[in-house]
């Protein structure tokens, strides 16, 4: 499995952002399960999910303070990386 994500340290908080399909964010149960699943790759870090609509506008799901912060950050400013798992 491969996924796109980033580890960000901002204002003294380190957190992870993971790109998912919009349908995941639209279903809170599925979104919560995805966050739990990604914990193994980012142990101890808060995780926020990000999805884009058909216009490329991002939506964030996760810790409210981090999601609100990310909404003000241009997507290209996030240090995205491709993660590969076994």
PDB file of N, CA and C in Angstrom:
ATOM      1  N   UNK A   1       0.843  -1.178   0.000  1.00  0.00           N
ATOM      2  CA  UNK A   1       0.000   0.000   0.000  1.00  0.00           C
ATOM      3  C   UNK A   1       0.889   1.241   0.000  1.00  0.00           C
ATOM      4  N   UNK A   2       0.498   2.229  -0.779  1.00  0.00           N
ATOM      5  CA  UNK A   2       1.201   3.506  -0.758  1.00  0.00           C
ATOM      6  C   UNK A   2       0.196   4.612  -0.450  1.00  0.00           C
ATOM      7  N   UNK A   3       0.673   5.638   0.186  1.00  0.00           N
ATOM      8  CA  UNK A   3      -0.172   6.788   0.466  1.00  0.00           C
ATOM      9  C   UNK A   3       0.687   8.035   0.539  1.00  0.00           C
ATOM     10  N   UNK A   4       0.041   9.172   0.369  1.00  0.00           N
ATOM     11  CA  UNK A   4       0.711  10.462   0.456  1.00  0.00           C
ATOM     12  C   UNK A   4       0.432  11.058   1.829  1.00  0.00           C
ATOM     13  N   UNK A   5       1.459  11.541   2.458  1.00  0.00           N
ATOM     14  CA  UNK A   5       1.287  12.135   3.774  1.00  0.00           C
ATOM     15  C   UNK A   5       2.413  13.107   4.066  1.00  0.00           C
ATOM     16  N   UNK A   6       2.340  13.707   5.227  1.00  0.00           N
ATOM     17  CA  UNK A   6       3.372  14.657   5.637  1.00  0.00           C
ATOM     18  C   UNK A   6       3.416  14.715   7.154  1.00  0.00           C
ATOM     19  N   UNK A   7       4.609  14.923   7.670  1.00  0.00           N
ATOM     20  CA  UNK A   7       4.780  15.219   9.091  1.00  0.00           C
ATOM     21  C   UNK A   7       5.145  16.698   9.161  1.00  0.00           C
ATOM     22  N   UNK A   8       4.382  17.428   9.945  1.00  0.00           N
ATOM     23  CA  UNK A   8       4.538  18.877  10.020  1.00  0.00           C
ATOM     24  C   UNK A   8       4.769  19.275  11.472  1.00  0.00           C
ATOM     25  N   UNK A   9       5.721  20.184  11.680  1.00  0.00           N
ATOM     26  CA  UNK A   9       5.906  20.765  13.007  1.00  0.00           C
ATOM     27  C   UNK A   9       5.628  22.254  12.875  1.00  0.00           C
ATOM     28  N   UNK A  10       4.639  22.704  13.585  1.00  0.00           N
ATOM     29  CA  UNK A  10       4.233  24.105  13.501  1.00  0.00           C
ATOM     30  C   UNK A  10       3.759  24.567  14.859  1.00  0.00           C
ATOM     31  N   UNK A  11       4.227  25.724  15.276  1.00  0.00           N
ATOM     32  CA  UNK A  11       3.822  26.326  16.541  1.00  0.00           C
ATOM     33  C   UNK A  11       3.991  25.352  17.714  1.00  0.00           C
ATOM     34  N   UNK A  12       5.083  24.584  17.673  1.00  0.00           N
ATOM     35  CA  UNK A  12       5.398  23.661  18.753  1.00  0.00           C
ATOM     36  C   UNK A  12       4.617  22.364  18.740  1.00  0.00           C
ATOM     37  N   UNK A  13       3.802  22.144  17.708  1.00  0.00           N
ATOM     38  CA  UNK A  13       3.007  20.918  17.615  1.00  0.00           C
ATOM     39  C   UNK A  13       3.469  20.132  16.396  1.00  0.00           C
ATOM     40  N   UNK A  14       3.773  18.854  16.589  1.00  0.00           N
ATOM     41  CA  UNK A  14       4.117  17.975  15.480  1.00  0.00           C
ATOM     42  C   UNK A  14       2.914  17.093  15.204  1.00  0.00           C
ATOM     43  N   UNK A  15       2.529  17.003  13.934  1.00  0.00           N
ATOM     44  CA  UNK A  15       1.354  16.221  13.557  1.00  0.00           C
ATOM     45  C   UNK A  15       1.544  15.650  12.160  1.00  0.00           C
ATOM     46  N   UNK A  16       0.690  14.709  11.796  1.00  0.00           N
ATOM     47  CA  UNK A  16       0.729  14.095  10.471  1.00  0.00           C
ATOM     48  C   UNK A  16      -0.533  14.465   9.707  1.00  0.00           C
ATOM     49  N   UNK A  17      -0.373  14.607   8.400  1.00  0.00           N
ATOM     50  CA  UNK A  17      -1.498  14.840   7.494  1.00  0.00           C
ATOM     51  C   UNK A  17      -1.448  13.730   6.453  1.00  0.00           C
ATOM     52  N   UNK A  18      -2.583  13.101   6.184  1.00  0.00           N
ATOM     53  CA  UNK A  18      -2.644  12.008   5.217  1.00  0.00           C
ATOM     54  C   UNK A  18      -3.741  12.313   4.205  1.00  0.00           C
ATOM     55  N   UNK A  19      -3.424  12.125   2.922  1.00  0.00           N
ATOM     56  CA  UNK A  19      -4.406  12.343   1.865  1.00  0.00           C
ATOM     57  C   UNK A  19      -5.276  11.097   1.718  1.00  0.00           C
ATOM     58  N   UNK A  20      -6.585  11.307   1.730  1.00  0.00           N
ATOM     59  CA  UNK A  20      -7.556  10.221   1.540  1.00  0.00           C
ATOM     60  C   UNK A  20      -8.595  10.672   0.519  1.00  0.00           C
ATOM     61  N   UNK A  21      -9.441   9.739   0.116  1.00  0.00           N
ATOM     62  CA  UNK A  21     -10.546  10.080  -0.783  1.00  0.00           C
ATOM     63  C   UNK A  21     -11.589  10.881  -0.018  1.00  0.00           C
ATOM     64  N   UNK A  22     -12.291  11.737  -0.737  1.00  0.00           N
ATOM     65  CA  UNK A  22     -13.317  12.574  -0.110  1.00  0.00           C
ATOM     66  C   UNK A  22     -14.391  11.736   0.567  1.00  0.00           C
ATOM     67  N   UNK A  23     -14.702  10.572   0.018  1.00  0.00           N
ATOM     68  CA  UNK A  23     -15.731   9.710   0.613  1.00  0.00           C
ATOM     69  C   UNK A  23     -15.348   9.266   2.019  1.00  0.00           C
ATOM     70  N   UNK A  24     -14.054   9.181   2.304  1.00  0.00           N
ATOM     71  CA  UNK A  24     -13.597   8.805   3.649  1.00  0.00           C
ATOM     72  C   UNK A  24     -13.927   9.923   4.632  1.00  0.00           C
ATOM     73  N   UNK A  25     -13.610  11.142   4.261  1.00  0.00           N
ATOM     74  CA  UNK A  25     -13.884  12.274   5.149  1.00  0.00           C
ATOM     75  C   UNK A  25     -15.387  12.503   5.312  1.00  0.00           C
ATOM     76  N   UNK A  26     -16.135  12.221   4.274  1.00  0.00           N
ATOM     77  CA  UNK A  26     -17.587  12.430   4.321  1.00  0.00           C
ATOM     78  C   UNK A  26     -18.295  11.465   5.268  1.00  0.00           C
ATOM     79  N   UNK A  27     -17.619  10.363   5.630  1.00  0.00           N
ATOM     80  CA  UNK A  27     -18.187   9.364   6.540  1.00  0.00           C
ATOM     81  C   UNK A  27     -17.348   9.380   7.821  1.00  0.00           C
ATOM     82  N   UNK A  28     -17.879   9.961   8.880  1.00  0.00           N
ATOM     83  CA  UNK A  28     -17.092  10.146  10.108  1.00  0.00           C
ATOM     84  C   UNK A  28     -16.616   8.830  10.710  1.00  0.00           C
ATOM     85  N   UNK A  29     -17.392   7.775  10.602  1.00  0.00           N
ATOM     86  CA  UNK A  29     -16.951   6.476  11.128  1.00  0.00           C
ATOM     87  C   UNK A  29     -15.747   5.987  10.333  1.00  0.00           C
ATOM     88  N   UNK A  30     -15.839   6.071   9.008  1.00  0.00           N
ATOM     89  CA  UNK A  30     -14.727   5.645   8.160  1.00  0.00           C
ATOM     90  C   UNK A  30     -13.499   6.532   8.385  1.00  0.00           C
ATOM     91  N   UNK A  31     -13.718   7.821   8.577  1.00  0.00           N
ATOM     92  CA  UNK A  31     -12.604   8.741   8.824  1.00  0.00           C
ATOM     93  C   UNK A  31     -11.904   8.407  10.140  1.00  0.00           C
ATOM     94  N   UNK A  32     -12.680   8.147  11.183  1.00  0.00           N
ATOM     95  CA  UNK A  32     -12.083   7.782  12.473  1.00  0.00           C
ATOM     96  C   UNK A  32     -11.303   6.476  12.365  1.00  0.00           C
ATOM     97  N   UNK A  33     -11.834   5.512  11.598  1.00  0.00           N
ATOM     98  CA  UNK A  33     -11.124   4.243  11.396  1.00  0.00           C
ATOM     99  C   UNK A  33      -9.829   4.466  10.622  1.00  0.00           C
ATOM    100  N   UNK A  34      -9.860   5.350   9.634  1.00  0.00           N
ATOM    101  CA  UNK A  34      -8.652   5.648   8.863  1.00  0.00           C
ATOM    102  C   UNK A  34      -7.588   6.269   9.761  1.00  0.00           C
ATOM    103  N   UNK A  35      -7.992   7.199  10.611  1.00  0.00           N
ATOM    104  CA  UNK A  35      -7.038   7.814  11.539  1.00  0.00           C
ATOM    105  C   UNK A  35      -6.412   6.745  12.428  1.00  0.00           C
ATOM    106  N   UNK A  36      -7.223   5.839  12.950  1.00  0.00           N
ATOM    107  CA  UNK A  36      -6.677   4.756  13.790  1.00  0.00           C
ATOM    108  C   UNK A  36      -5.719   3.887  12.993  1.00  0.00           C
ATOM    109  N   UNK A  37      -6.047   3.601  11.737  1.00  0.00           N
ATOM    110  CA  UNK A  37      -5.182   2.779  10.895  1.00  0.00           C
ATOM    111  C   UNK A  37      -3.843   3.432  10.601  1.00  0.00           C
ATOM    112  N   UNK A  38      -3.839   4.736  10.416  1.00  0.00           N
ATOM    113  CA  UNK A  38      -2.589   5.440  10.120  1.00  0.00           C
ATOM    114  C   UNK A  38      -1.730   5.658  11.363  1.00  0.00           C
ATOM    115  N   UNK A  39      -2.270   5.431  12.560  1.00  0.00           N
ATOM    116  CA  UNK A  39      -1.490   5.596  13.794  1.00  0.00           C
ATOM    117  C   UNK A  39      -0.234   4.729  13.791  1.00  0.00           C
ATOM    118  N   UNK A  40      -0.289   3.553  13.150  1.00  0.00           N
ATOM    119  CA  UNK A  40       0.890   2.683  13.133  1.00  0.00           C
ATOM    120  C   UNK A  40       2.058   3.313  12.367  1.00  0.00           C
ATOM    121  N   UNK A  41       1.771   4.217  11.441  1.00  0.00           N
ATOM    122  CA  UNK A  41       2.824   4.872  10.666  1.00  0.00           C
ATOM    123  C   UNK A  41       3.306   6.167  11.310  1.00  0.00           C
ATOM    124  N   UNK A  42       2.467   6.731  12.168  1.00  0.00           N
ATOM    125  CA  UNK A  42       2.798   7.991  12.843  1.00  0.00           C
ATOM    126  C   UNK A  42       2.497   7.861  14.333  1.00  0.00           C
ATOM    127  N   UNK A  43       3.185   6.932  15.021  1.00  0.00           N
ATOM    128  CA  UNK A  43       2.853   6.682  16.430  1.00  0.00           C
ATOM    129  C   UNK A  43       3.029   7.922  17.301  1.00  0.00           C
ATOM    130  N   UNK A  44       2.029   8.172  18.109  1.00  0.00           N
ATOM    131  CA  UNK A  44       2.086   9.277  19.051  1.00  0.00           C
ATOM    132  C   UNK A  44       1.747  10.642  18.474  1.00  0.00           C
ATOM    133  N   UNK A  45       1.556  10.716  17.165  1.00  0.00           N
ATOM    134  CA  UNK A  45       1.247  12.009  16.550  1.00  0.00           C
ATOM    135  C   UNK A  45      -0.250  12.137  16.287  1.00  0.00           C
ATOM    136  N   UNK A  46      -0.792  13.324  16.473  1.00  0.00           N
ATOM    137  CA  UNK A  46      -2.169  13.544  16.024  1.00  0.00           C
ATOM    138  C   UNK A  46      -2.188  13.448  14.492  1.00  0.00           C
ATOM    139  N   UNK A  47      -3.248  12.871  13.949  1.00  0.00           N
ATOM    140  CA  UNK A  47      -3.373  12.699  12.502  1.00  0.00           C
ATOM    141  C   UNK A  47      -4.592  13.456  12.006  1.00  0.00           C
ATOM    142  N   UNK A  48      -4.383  14.186  10.924  1.00  0.00           N
ATOM    143  CA  UNK A  48      -5.472  14.877  10.245  1.00  0.00           C
ATOM    144  C   UNK A  48      -5.551  14.313   8.830  1.00  0.00           C
ATOM    145  N   UNK A  49      -6.758  14.042   8.380  1.00  0.00           N
ATOM    146  CA  UNK A  49      -6.976  13.565   7.019  1.00  0.00           C
ATOM    147  C   UNK A  49      -7.278  14.753   6.116  1.00  0.00           C
ATOM    148  N   UNK A  50      -6.839  14.656   4.856  1.00  0.00           N
ATOM    149  CA  UNK A  50      -7.123  15.704   3.884  1.00  0.00           C
ATOM    150  C   UNK A  50      -7.652  15.062   2.615  1.00  0.00           C
ATOM    151  N   UNK A  51      -8.718  15.645   2.078  1.00  0.00           N
ATOM    152  CA  UNK A  51      -9.257  15.230   0.784  1.00  0.00           C
ATOM    153  C   UNK A  51      -9.580  16.484  -0.008  1.00  0.00           C
ATOM    154  N   UNK A  52      -9.570  16.336  -1.332  1.00  0.00           N
ATOM    155  CA  UNK A  52      -9.903  17.463  -2.195  1.00  0.00           C
ATOM    156  C   UNK A  52     -11.195  17.174  -2.947  1.00  0.00           C
ATOM    157  N   UNK A  53     -11.984  18.225  -3.176  1.00  0.00           N
ATOM    158  CA  UNK A  53     -13.182  18.057  -3.989  1.00  0.00           C
ATOM    159  C   UNK A  53     -12.792  18.152  -5.470  1.00  0.00           C
ATOM    160  N   UNK A  54     -13.771  18.097  -6.354  1.00  0.00           N
ATOM    161  CA  UNK A  54     -13.478  18.094  -7.788  1.00  0.00           C
ATOM    162  C   UNK A  54     -12.892  19.415  -8.286  1.00  0.00           C
ATOM    163  N   UNK A  55     -12.916  20.447  -7.467  1.00  0.00           N
ATOM    164  CA  UNK A  55     -12.278  21.721  -7.802  1.00  0.00           C
ATOM    165  C   UNK A  55     -10.878  21.827  -7.196  1.00  0.00           C
ATOM    166  N   UNK A  56     -10.460  20.798  -6.447  1.00  0.00           N
ATOM    167  CA  UNK A  56      -9.151  20.826  -5.809  1.00  0.00           C
ATOM    168  C   UNK A  56      -9.134  21.518  -4.460  1.00  0.00           C
ATOM    169  N   UNK A  57     -10.317  21.854  -3.944  1.00  0.00           N
ATOM    170  CA  UNK A  57     -10.396  22.537  -2.649  1.00  0.00           C
ATOM    171  C   UNK A  57     -10.251  21.503  -1.529  1.00  0.00           C
ATOM    172  N   UNK A  58      -9.281  21.691  -0.633  1.00  0.00           N
ATOM    173  CA  UNK A  58      -9.069  20.700   0.424  1.00  0.00           C
ATOM    174  C   UNK A  58     -10.086  20.815   1.556  1.00  0.00           C
ATOM    175  N   UNK A  59     -10.378  19.654   2.139  1.00  0.00           N
ATOM    176  CA  UNK A  59     -11.173  19.558   3.359  1.00  0.00           C
ATOM    177  C   UNK A  59     -10.349  18.744   4.339  1.00  0.00           C
ATOM    178  N   UNK A  60     -10.343  19.148   5.598  1.00  0.00           N
ATOM    179  CA  UNK A  60      -9.558  18.461   6.620  1.00  0.00           C
ATOM    180  C   UNK A  60     -10.475  17.842   7.657  1.00  0.00           C
ATOM    181  N   UNK A  61     -10.034  16.702   8.191  1.00  0.00           N
ATOM    182  CA  UNK A  61     -10.794  16.012   9.232  1.00  0.00           C
ATOM    183  C   UNK A  61      -9.802  15.557  10.289  1.00  0.00           C
ATOM    184  N   UNK A  62     -10.077  15.892  11.522  1.00  0.00           N
ATOM    185  CA  UNK A  62      -9.207  15.489  12.619  1.00  0.00           C
ATOM    186  C   UNK A  62      -9.278  16.534  13.709  1.00  0.00           C
ATOM    187  N   UNK A  63      -8.184  16.636  14.428  1.00  0.00           N
ATOM    188  CA  UNK A  63      -8.157  17.593  15.529  1.00  0.00           C
ATOM    189  C   UNK A  63      -8.505  18.994  15.035  1.00  0.00           C
ATOM    190  N   UNK A  64      -9.454  19.599  15.690  1.00  0.00           N
ATOM    191  CA  UNK A  64     -10.022  20.868  15.217  1.00  0.00           C
ATOM    192  C   UNK A  64      -8.983  21.975  15.070  1.00  0.00           C
ATOM    193  N   UNK A  65      -8.093  22.128  16.056  1.00  0.00           N
ATOM    194  CA  UNK A  65      -7.104  23.211  15.973  1.00  0.00           C
ATOM    195  C   UNK A  65      -6.152  23.016  14.800  1.00  0.00           C
ATOM    196  N   UNK A  66      -5.765  21.760  14.571  1.00  0.00           N
ATOM    197  CA  UNK A  66      -4.850  21.478  13.460  1.00  0.00           C
ATOM    198  C   UNK A  66      -5.578  21.642  12.127  1.00  0.00           C
ATOM    199  N   UNK A  67      -6.795  21.140  12.043  1.00  0.00           N
ATOM    200  CA  UNK A  67      -7.576  21.272  10.806  1.00  0.00           C
ATOM    201  C   UNK A  67      -7.782  22.736  10.449  1.00  0.00           C
ATOM    202  N   UNK A  68      -8.083  23.541  11.443  1.00  0.00           N
ATOM    203  CA  UNK A  68      -8.294  24.976  11.211  1.00  0.00           C
ATOM    204  C   UNK A  68      -7.000  25.634  10.731  1.00  0.00           C
ATOM    205  N   UNK A  69      -5.883  25.273  11.347  1.00  0.00           N
ATOM    206  CA  UNK A  69      -4.594  25.808  10.921  1.00  0.00           C
ATOM    207  C   UNK A  69      -4.300  25.414   9.472  1.00  0.00           C
ATOM    208  N   UNK A  70      -4.480  24.125   9.146  1.00  0.00           N
ATOM    209  CA  UNK A  70      -4.168  23.647   7.802  1.00  0.00           C
ATOM    210  C   UNK A  70      -5.024  24.319   6.733  1.00  0.00           C
ATOM    211  N   UNK A  71      -6.234  24.684   7.086  1.00  0.00           N
ATOM    212  CA  UNK A  71      -7.114  25.352   6.119  1.00  0.00           C
ATOM    213  C   UNK A  71      -6.535  26.685   5.653  1.00  0.00           C
ATOM    214  N   UNK A  72      -5.609  27.245   6.425  1.00  0.00           N
ATOM    215  CA  UNK A  72      -4.994  28.524   6.050  1.00  0.00           C
ATOM    216  C   UNK A  72      -3.644  28.350   5.356  1.00  0.00           C
ATOM    217  N   UNK A  73      -3.213  27.101   5.178  1.00  0.00           N
ATOM    218  CA  UNK A  73      -1.898  26.824   4.598  1.00  0.00           C
ATOM    219  C   UNK A  73      -2.070  26.365   3.144  1.00  0.00           C
ATOM    220  N   UNK A  74      -1.326  26.946   2.195  1.00  0.00           N
ATOM    221  CA  UNK A  74      -1.398  26.463   0.810  1.00  0.00           C
ATOM    222  C   UNK A  74      -0.936  25.003   0.728  1.00  0.00           C
ATOM    223  N   UNK A  75      -1.628  24.202  -0.078  1.00  0.00           N
ATOM    224  CA  UNK A  75      -1.278  22.779  -0.185  1.00  0.00           C
ATOM    225  C   UNK A  75       0.177  22.566  -0.575  1.00  0.00           C
ATOM    226  N   UNK A  76       0.694  23.423  -1.443  1.00  0.00           N
ATOM    227  CA  UNK A  76       2.075  23.245  -1.895  1.00  0.00           C
ATOM    228  C   UNK A  76       3.095  23.554  -0.805  1.00  0.00           C
ATOM    229  N   UNK A  77       2.664  24.162   0.292  1.00  0.00           N
ATOM    230  CA  UNK A  77       3.571  24.450   1.407  1.00  0.00           C
ATOM    231  C   UNK A  77       3.719  23.253   2.345  1.00  0.00           C
ATOM    232  N   UNK A  78       2.874  22.244   2.172  1.00  0.00           N
ATOM    233  CA  UNK A  78       2.943  21.050   3.019  1.00  0.00           C
ATOM    234  C   UNK A  78       3.980  20.102   2.415  1.00  0.00           C
ATOM    235  N   UNK A  79       4.903  19.579   3.225  1.00  0.00           N
ATOM    236  CA  UNK A  79       5.987  18.731   2.702  1.00  0.00           C
ATOM    237  C   UNK A  79       5.530  17.291   2.420  1.00  0.00           C
ATOM    238  N   UNK A  80       4.704  17.115   1.384  1.00  0.00           N
ATOM    239  CA  UNK A  80       4.146  15.800   1.057  1.00  0.00           C
ATOM    240  C   UNK A  80       5.245  14.804   0.722  1.00  0.00           C
ATOM    241  N   UNK A  81       4.994  13.569   1.086  1.00  0.00           N
ATOM    242  CA  UNK A  81       5.935  12.479   0.853  1.00  0.00           C
ATOM    243  C   UNK A  81       5.121  11.233   0.540  1.00  0.00           C
ATOM    244  N   UNK A  82       5.667  10.384  -0.300  1.00  0.00           N
ATOM    245  CA  UNK A  82       5.012   9.112  -0.611  1.00  0.00           C
ATOM    246  C   UNK A  82       5.496   8.070   0.391  1.00  0.00           C
ATOM    247  N   UNK A  83       4.561   7.429   1.071  1.00  0.00           N
ATOM    248  CA  UNK A  83       4.873   6.375   2.035  1.00  0.00           C
ATOM    249  C   UNK A  83       4.483   5.037   1.428  1.00  0.00           C
ATOM    250  N   UNK A  84       5.352   4.053   1.583  1.00  0.00           N
ATOM    251  CA  UNK A  84       5.077   2.708   1.089  1.00  0.00           C
ATOM    252  C   UNK A  84       5.112   1.752   2.264  1.00  0.00           C
ATOM    253  N   UNK A  85       4.085   0.905   2.341  1.00  0.00           N
ATOM    254  CA  UNK A  85       4.004  -0.074   3.422  1.00  0.00           C
ATOM    255  C   UNK A  85       4.024  -1.471   2.833  1.00  0.00           C
ATOM    256  N   UNK A  86       4.251  -2.431   3.687  1.00  0.00           N
ATOM    257  CA  UNK A  86       4.235  -3.824   3.222  1.00  0.00           C
ATOM    258  C   UNK A  86       2.885  -4.429   3.419  1.00  0.00           C
TER     259      UNK A  86
END
